[in-house]
N, C-alpha and C. Protein backbone atom coordinates (compact mmCIF):
# COMPACT_ATOMS: atom_id res chain seq x y z
N MET A 1 -8.36 -1.14 -14.30
CA MET A 1 -8.11 0.12 -14.81
C MET A 1 -7.35 1.06 -13.96
N THR A 2 -5.70 1.45 -14.08
CA THR A 2 -5.60 2.30 -13.07
C THR A 2 -5.03 3.23 -14.11
N THR A 3 -5.16 4.57 -13.48
CA THR A 3 -4.50 5.80 -14.52
C THR A 3 -3.06 5.98 -14.19
N THR A 4 -2.30 5.35 -13.57
CA THR A 4 -0.97 5.47 -13.22
C THR A 4 -0.51 5.54 -14.36
N MET A 5 -0.17 4.28 -15.10
CA MET A 5 1.17 4.63 -16.32
C MET A 5 0.42 5.72 -17.76
N PRO A 6 -0.93 5.84 -17.98
CA PRO A 6 -1.40 6.68 -19.06
C PRO A 6 -0.75 7.85 -18.31
N MET A 7 -1.14 8.87 -17.19
CA MET A 7 -0.42 9.46 -16.38
C MET A 7 1.41 9.75 -16.89
N LEU A 8 1.82 8.78 -16.35
CA LEU A 8 3.40 8.69 -16.76
C LEU A 8 3.47 8.79 -18.60
N GLU A 9 2.80 8.15 -18.64
CA GLU A 9 2.88 8.14 -20.56
C GLU A 9 3.05 9.76 -20.83
N THR A 10 2.16 10.45 -20.11
CA THR A 10 1.96 11.68 -21.16
C THR A 10 2.62 12.78 -20.33
N TYR A 11 3.46 12.09 -19.00
CA TYR A 11 4.26 13.74 -18.86
C TYR A 11 5.17 14.14 -19.82
N PRO A 12 4.89 15.51 -20.24
CA PRO A 12 5.71 15.91 -21.50
C PRO A 12 7.20 15.91 -21.12
N ARG A 13 8.16 15.59 -20.11
CA ARG A 13 9.37 15.56 -19.98
C ARG A 13 10.24 13.98 -19.48
N THR A 14 11.44 14.03 -19.88
CA THR A 14 11.68 12.93 -19.60
C THR A 14 11.77 12.55 -18.04
N ILE A 15 11.63 11.33 -17.66
CA ILE A 15 11.25 10.80 -16.11
C ILE A 15 12.49 9.93 -16.11
N ASP A 16 13.34 10.04 -15.25
CA ASP A 16 14.34 9.49 -14.65
C ASP A 16 14.62 8.28 -14.32
N LEU A 17 13.82 7.65 -14.39
CA LEU A 17 13.25 6.28 -13.58
C LEU A 17 12.49 5.21 -14.70
N ASP A 18 12.52 3.80 -14.63
CA ASP A 18 11.84 2.81 -15.36
C ASP A 18 10.87 3.49 -15.11
N ARG A 19 9.46 3.92 -16.31
CA ARG A 19 8.14 4.46 -15.80
C ARG A 19 7.60 3.06 -16.05
N ALA A 20 7.57 1.78 -16.24
CA ALA A 20 7.13 0.67 -15.84
C ALA A 20 7.23 0.12 -14.65
N LYS A 21 8.51 0.36 -13.83
CA LYS A 21 8.59 -0.28 -12.24
C LYS A 21 8.33 0.90 -11.70
N LEU A 22 8.22 2.42 -12.11
CA LEU A 22 7.68 3.40 -11.17
C LEU A 22 6.24 2.99 -11.29
N ALA A 23 5.45 3.28 -12.08
CA ALA A 23 4.34 2.65 -12.09
C ALA A 23 4.09 1.37 -11.29
N ALA A 24 4.37 0.08 -11.44
CA ALA A 24 4.28 -0.34 -10.56
C ALA A 24 4.32 -0.24 -8.83
N ALA A 25 5.48 0.64 -8.91
CA ALA A 25 5.18 0.85 -7.40
C ALA A 25 4.38 1.68 -7.10
N ILE A 26 3.72 2.72 -7.77
CA ILE A 26 2.74 3.55 -7.55
C ILE A 26 1.92 2.84 -7.16
N GLU A 27 1.29 2.03 -7.91
CA GLU A 27 -0.24 1.03 -7.93
C GLU A 27 0.09 -0.04 -5.93
N ALA A 28 1.45 -0.29 -6.23
CA ALA A 28 1.48 -1.15 -5.08
C ALA A 28 1.23 -0.53 -3.64
N ILE A 29 2.24 0.47 -4.14
CA ILE A 29 1.92 1.83 -2.44
C ILE A 29 1.00 2.41 -2.60
N ASN A 30 -0.39 2.53 -3.47
CA ASN A 30 -1.46 3.08 -3.16
C ASN A 30 -2.46 1.40 -2.63
N ALA A 31 -2.31 0.55 -3.47
CA ALA A 31 -3.04 -0.48 -2.60
C ALA A 31 -2.88 -0.58 -1.60
N CYS A 32 -1.54 -0.63 -0.67
CA CYS A 32 -1.06 -0.98 0.21
C CYS A 32 -1.56 0.07 1.62
N ALA A 33 -1.70 1.27 1.22
CA ALA A 33 -2.00 2.44 1.84
C ALA A 33 -3.56 2.24 2.16
N GLN A 34 -4.28 1.78 1.23
CA GLN A 34 -5.84 1.10 1.22
C GLN A 34 -5.82 -0.01 1.86
N ALA A 35 -5.22 -0.69 1.96
CA ALA A 35 -5.03 -1.57 2.88
C ALA A 35 -4.99 -1.86 4.62
N CYS A 36 -4.17 -1.35 4.62
CA CYS A 36 -3.19 -0.91 6.00
C CYS A 36 -4.73 0.20 6.56
N THR A 37 -5.17 0.99 6.05
CA THR A 37 -5.92 1.72 6.42
C THR A 37 -7.42 0.56 6.95
N ALA A 38 -7.72 -0.22 5.81
CA ALA A 38 -9.08 -0.55 5.81
C ALA A 38 -8.48 -1.96 6.69
N CYS A 39 -7.04 -2.08 7.46
CA CYS A 39 -7.27 -3.13 8.20
C CYS A 39 -7.29 -2.96 10.07
N ALA A 40 -6.88 -1.64 9.54
CA ALA A 40 -6.43 -0.76 11.18
C ALA A 40 -8.35 -0.86 11.75
N ASP A 41 -8.91 -0.24 10.63
CA ASP A 41 -10.38 0.36 11.09
C ASP A 41 -10.91 -1.62 11.00
N ALA A 42 -10.85 -2.37 10.45
CA ALA A 42 -11.42 -3.52 10.98
C ALA A 42 -10.81 -3.74 12.41
N CYS A 43 -9.36 -4.07 12.56
CA CYS A 43 -9.32 -4.16 13.89
C CYS A 43 -9.72 -3.41 15.20
N LEU A 44 -10.03 -2.25 14.48
CA LEU A 44 -11.00 -1.18 15.44
C LEU A 44 -12.63 -1.88 16.16
N SER A 45 -12.44 -2.98 15.26
CA SER A 45 -14.19 -3.68 15.19
C SER A 45 -14.09 -4.88 15.65
N GLU A 46 -12.75 -5.48 16.11
CA GLU A 46 -12.85 -6.54 16.44
C GLU A 46 -13.28 -6.49 18.00
N GLU A 47 -13.44 -7.69 18.67
CA GLU A 47 -13.87 -7.61 20.30
C GLU A 47 -12.53 -7.25 20.86
N MET A 48 -11.65 -8.10 20.70
CA MET A 48 -10.33 -8.39 21.32
C MET A 48 -9.18 -6.81 20.59
N VAL A 49 -9.70 -5.69 20.05
CA VAL A 49 -9.28 -4.33 19.87
C VAL A 49 -8.16 -4.16 20.82
N ALA A 50 -8.09 -4.17 22.25
CA ALA A 50 -7.03 -4.00 23.16
C ALA A 50 -5.83 -4.38 23.01
N GLU A 51 -6.17 -6.19 22.30
CA GLU A 51 -4.62 -6.79 21.44
C GLU A 51 -4.01 -6.53 20.38
N LEU A 52 -4.90 -5.60 19.70
CA LEU A 52 -4.42 -5.33 18.24
C LEU A 52 -3.74 -3.09 18.54
N THR A 53 -3.54 -3.33 19.34
CA THR A 53 -3.13 -2.11 19.37
C THR A 53 -2.10 -1.61 18.75
N LYS A 54 -0.83 -2.71 18.82
CA LYS A 54 0.03 -2.17 18.15
C LYS A 54 -0.21 -2.36 16.69
N CYS A 55 -0.65 -3.44 15.98
CA CYS A 55 -1.10 -3.61 14.62
C CYS A 55 -2.07 -2.54 13.99
N ILE A 56 -2.57 -1.71 15.20
CA ILE A 56 -3.65 -0.77 14.47
C ILE A 56 -2.73 0.81 14.35
N ARG A 57 -1.91 0.98 15.51
CA ARG A 57 -0.62 1.67 15.22
C ARG A 57 0.25 1.66 13.82
N THR A 58 0.86 0.32 13.52
CA THR A 58 1.58 0.03 12.63
C THR A 58 0.68 0.17 10.97
N ASN A 59 -0.07 -0.15 10.93
CA ASN A 59 -1.21 -0.05 10.02
C ASN A 59 -1.24 1.67 9.73
N LEU A 60 -1.94 2.65 10.74
CA LEU A 60 -1.88 3.23 10.10
C LEU A 60 -0.70 4.33 9.98
N ASP A 61 0.46 3.97 10.16
CA ASP A 61 2.20 4.58 10.31
C ASP A 61 2.27 4.20 8.67
N CYS A 62 2.20 3.07 8.39
CA CYS A 62 2.18 2.44 6.92
C CYS A 62 1.69 2.68 6.25
N ALA A 63 0.37 3.06 6.38
CA ALA A 63 -0.44 4.11 5.37
C ALA A 63 -0.04 5.43 5.26
N ASP A 64 0.06 6.07 6.20
CA ASP A 64 0.23 7.17 6.25
C ASP A 64 1.68 7.75 5.19
N VAL A 65 2.90 6.47 5.67
CA VAL A 65 4.21 6.67 4.65
C VAL A 65 4.01 6.52 3.09
N CYS A 66 3.07 5.57 2.99
CA CYS A 66 2.22 5.15 1.86
C CYS A 66 2.11 6.12 0.71
N ALA A 67 0.51 6.80 1.58
CA ALA A 67 0.46 7.52 0.79
C ALA A 67 1.31 8.68 0.41
N ALA A 68 2.22 9.40 1.11
CA ALA A 68 3.08 10.45 0.88
C ALA A 68 3.90 10.28 -0.09
N THR A 69 4.45 9.17 0.08
CA THR A 69 5.64 8.32 -0.54
C THR A 69 4.72 7.83 -2.37
N ALA A 70 3.87 7.56 -2.27
CA ALA A 70 2.54 7.95 -3.88
C ALA A 70 2.60 9.29 -3.83
N ARG A 71 2.14 10.33 -3.79
CA ARG A 71 2.26 11.46 -3.88
C ARG A 71 3.84 12.39 -4.28
N VAL A 72 4.37 11.85 -3.74
CA VAL A 72 6.01 12.20 -4.08
C VAL A 72 6.61 11.84 -5.47
N LEU A 73 5.98 10.28 -5.13
CA LEU A 73 6.43 9.76 -6.65
C LEU A 73 5.84 10.04 -7.62
N SER A 74 4.55 10.33 -7.62
CA SER A 74 3.64 11.25 -8.67
C SER A 74 4.04 12.47 -9.25
N ARG A 75 5.05 12.91 -8.94
CA ARG A 75 5.61 14.69 -9.09
C ARG A 75 6.68 14.28 -9.72
N HIS A 76 6.73 15.13 -11.10
CA HIS A 76 8.63 14.73 -11.60
C HIS A 76 9.13 16.21 -12.17
N THR A 77 8.59 16.92 -11.98
CA THR A 77 9.09 18.52 -12.20
C THR A 77 9.79 18.86 -11.03
N GLY A 78 11.24 19.55 -10.99
CA GLY A 78 12.06 19.55 -10.08
C GLY A 78 12.31 18.25 -9.12
N TYR A 79 12.55 16.91 -9.71
CA TYR A 79 12.85 15.90 -8.71
C TYR A 79 13.65 15.83 -8.51
N ASP A 80 14.18 15.36 -7.03
CA ASP A 80 14.87 15.38 -5.90
C ASP A 80 15.08 14.14 -5.85
N ALA A 81 16.10 12.96 -6.59
CA ALA A 81 16.12 11.80 -6.44
C ALA A 81 16.90 11.21 -4.90
N ASN A 82 17.46 12.42 -4.38
CA ASN A 82 17.82 11.90 -2.69
C ASN A 82 16.58 11.51 -2.03
N LEU A 83 15.56 12.89 -2.13
CA LEU A 83 14.15 12.50 -1.54
C LEU A 83 13.27 11.53 -1.48
N SER A 84 13.07 11.15 -2.97
CA SER A 84 12.44 9.82 -3.72
C SER A 84 13.21 8.48 -3.15
N ARG A 85 14.60 8.64 -3.02
CA ARG A 85 15.15 7.75 -2.44
C ARG A 85 14.90 7.25 -1.40
N ALA A 86 15.03 8.23 -0.12
CA ALA A 86 14.84 8.07 1.28
C ALA A 86 13.20 7.90 1.36
N LEU A 87 12.61 8.31 0.62
CA LEU A 87 10.72 8.08 0.63
C LEU A 87 10.59 6.60 0.55
N VAL A 88 11.16 6.19 -0.47
CA VAL A 88 10.58 4.77 -1.15
C VAL A 88 11.62 3.71 0.17
N GLU A 89 12.87 4.07 0.43
CA GLU A 89 13.30 3.44 1.60
C GLU A 89 12.33 3.05 3.03
N ALA A 90 12.23 4.69 3.26
CA ALA A 90 10.95 4.63 4.31
C ALA A 90 9.72 3.63 4.00
N CYS A 91 9.33 3.63 3.00
CA CYS A 91 8.27 2.82 2.15
C CYS A 91 8.25 1.62 2.62
N ALA A 92 9.38 1.08 2.24
CA ALA A 92 9.52 -0.40 2.66
C ALA A 92 9.96 -1.06 3.47
N THR A 93 10.37 -0.06 4.73
CA THR A 93 10.73 -0.13 6.20
C THR A 93 9.35 -0.39 6.55
N ALA A 94 8.56 0.45 6.51
CA ALA A 94 7.14 0.50 6.92
C ALA A 94 6.58 -0.76 6.29
N CYS A 95 6.24 -0.83 5.21
CA CYS A 95 5.82 -2.39 4.75
C CYS A 95 6.31 -3.10 5.71
N ARG A 96 7.50 -3.35 5.55
CA ARG A 96 8.14 -5.04 6.30
C ARG A 96 7.53 -4.79 7.54
N SER A 97 7.52 -3.57 8.49
CA SER A 97 7.24 -3.72 9.69
C SER A 97 5.71 -4.37 9.92
N CYS A 98 4.93 -3.65 9.02
CA CYS A 98 3.52 -3.59 9.07
C CYS A 98 3.32 -5.05 8.53
N GLY A 99 3.73 -5.64 7.78
CA GLY A 99 3.79 -7.19 6.98
C GLY A 99 4.04 -7.79 7.92
N ASP A 100 4.84 -7.93 8.99
CA ASP A 100 5.20 -8.91 9.90
C ASP A 100 4.54 -8.52 10.87
N GLU A 101 3.78 -7.27 11.61
CA GLU A 101 2.61 -7.07 12.67
C GLU A 101 1.43 -7.68 12.13
N CYS A 102 1.48 -7.86 10.66
CA CYS A 102 0.06 -8.48 10.35
C CYS A 102 0.22 -9.61 10.37
N ALA A 103 0.77 -9.85 9.91
CA ALA A 103 1.43 -11.79 9.61
C ALA A 103 1.23 -12.45 11.31
N ALA A 104 1.56 -11.75 11.75
CA ALA A 104 1.70 -12.33 13.50
C ALA A 104 -0.09 -12.10 13.78
N HIS A 105 -0.74 -11.83 13.21
CA HIS A 105 -2.41 -11.94 13.69
C HIS A 105 -3.04 -12.89 12.23
N ALA A 106 -2.21 -12.82 11.53
CA ALA A 106 -3.01 -13.48 10.25
C ALA A 106 -3.88 -14.95 10.26
N GLN A 107 -3.58 -15.87 11.22
CA GLN A 107 -4.30 -16.97 11.61
C GLN A 107 -5.65 -16.41 12.10
N MET A 108 -5.63 -15.75 12.73
CA MET A 108 -7.06 -15.41 13.89
C MET A 108 -7.53 -14.29 12.71
N HIS A 109 -7.32 -13.70 11.76
CA HIS A 109 -7.95 -12.33 11.39
C HIS A 109 -7.59 -12.33 10.00
N GLU A 110 -8.57 -12.22 9.11
CA GLU A 110 -8.39 -12.72 7.78
C GLU A 110 -8.15 -11.31 6.95
N HIS A 111 -8.84 -10.37 7.52
CA HIS A 111 -8.40 -8.77 6.96
C HIS A 111 -6.10 -8.39 7.33
N CYS A 112 -6.02 -9.05 8.28
CA CYS A 112 -4.78 -8.85 8.50
C CYS A 112 -3.71 -9.78 7.97
N ARG A 113 -4.06 -11.00 7.08
CA ARG A 113 -3.69 -11.63 6.15
C ARG A 113 -3.40 -11.25 4.90
N ILE A 114 -4.67 -10.34 4.53
CA ILE A 114 -4.73 -9.45 3.43
C ILE A 114 -4.09 -8.57 3.26
N CYS A 115 -3.83 -7.56 4.51
CA CYS A 115 -2.93 -6.63 4.52
C CYS A 115 -0.95 -7.36 4.42
N ALA A 116 -0.84 -7.98 5.61
CA ALA A 116 0.42 -8.75 5.45
C ALA A 116 0.71 -8.66 3.93
N ASP A 117 -0.18 -9.66 2.91
CA ASP A 117 0.02 -9.60 1.49
C ASP A 117 0.68 -8.28 0.99
N ALA A 118 -0.39 -7.30 1.26
CA ALA A 118 -0.33 -6.52 0.50
C ALA A 118 0.99 -5.90 0.72
N CYS A 119 1.24 -5.36 2.11
CA CYS A 119 2.33 -5.15 2.81
C CYS A 119 3.72 -5.58 1.84
N ARG A 120 3.73 -7.03 1.89
CA ARG A 120 4.83 -7.94 1.12
C ARG A 120 4.81 -7.08 -0.28
N ALA A 121 3.94 -7.27 -1.28
CA ALA A 121 4.13 -7.02 -2.67
C ALA A 121 4.74 -5.54 -2.45
N CYS A 122 3.99 -4.46 -1.69
CA CYS A 122 4.60 -3.52 -1.52
C CYS A 122 6.32 -3.04 -1.62
N GLU A 123 6.68 -4.00 -0.50
CA GLU A 123 8.03 -3.88 -0.31
C GLU A 123 8.64 -4.34 -1.29
N ARG A 124 8.30 -5.13 -1.80
CA ARG A 124 8.57 -5.93 -3.29
C ARG A 124 8.99 -4.74 -4.48
N ALA A 125 8.01 -4.07 -4.22
CA ALA A 125 7.52 -2.85 -5.43
C ALA A 125 8.98 -1.93 -5.40
N CYS A 126 8.81 -1.71 -4.24
CA CYS A 126 9.71 -0.58 -3.64
C CYS A 126 11.31 -0.88 -3.86
N ARG A 127 11.40 -2.42 -3.32
CA ARG A 127 12.82 -2.24 -3.44
C ARG A 127 13.23 -2.62 -5.07
N ASP A 128 12.53 -2.92 -5.70
CA ASP A 128 12.55 -3.26 -7.15
C ASP A 128 13.07 -1.69 -8.03
N LEU A 129 11.88 -0.25 -7.33
CA LEU A 129 12.20 0.58 -7.80
C LEU A 129 13.46 1.20 -7.62
N LEU A 130 14.19 0.84 -6.06
CA LEU A 130 14.86 1.55 -5.62
C LEU A 130 16.52 0.95 -6.49
N ALA A 131 16.15 -0.51 -6.80
CA ALA A 131 17.51 -1.24 -7.68
C ALA A 131 17.76 -0.09 -8.91
N THR A 132 16.53 0.11 -9.54
CA THR A 132 16.60 1.57 -10.88
C THR A 132 17.12 2.85 -10.17
N MET A 133 17.01 3.28 -9.41
CA MET A 133 17.47 4.55 -8.65
C MET A 133 18.26 5.35 -8.89
N SER A 134 19.06 5.88 -9.52
CA SER A 134 20.58 6.49 -9.28
C SER A 134 20.92 7.50 -8.34
């Protein structure tokens, strides 16, 4: 049980976004940030850590972009559609890059496969939300 939708439902003013898609995006973004952080940490514990440098960097960049995007999407007072759209686009881009990088290691590292899946789901949720943003 997440608190995303209940919090959106209790917001006292109009939200100019589809609340269900917004909630789905926020949840996918938070899940992706967690997966990327955990994947980076797991990569650091691998014996072949030097070969995973790009993966670690991409994971950490994606986690940071996701975290910032989730925070901005969770605030609605004084909503700036241009800023939100730019962040969601950046988040989708970061997720695509990270998903591609993790997918390249997925055969050897299960944590990379799980992270790639989370990144793909997040990118889809971001693109679904972007399609509803004016």
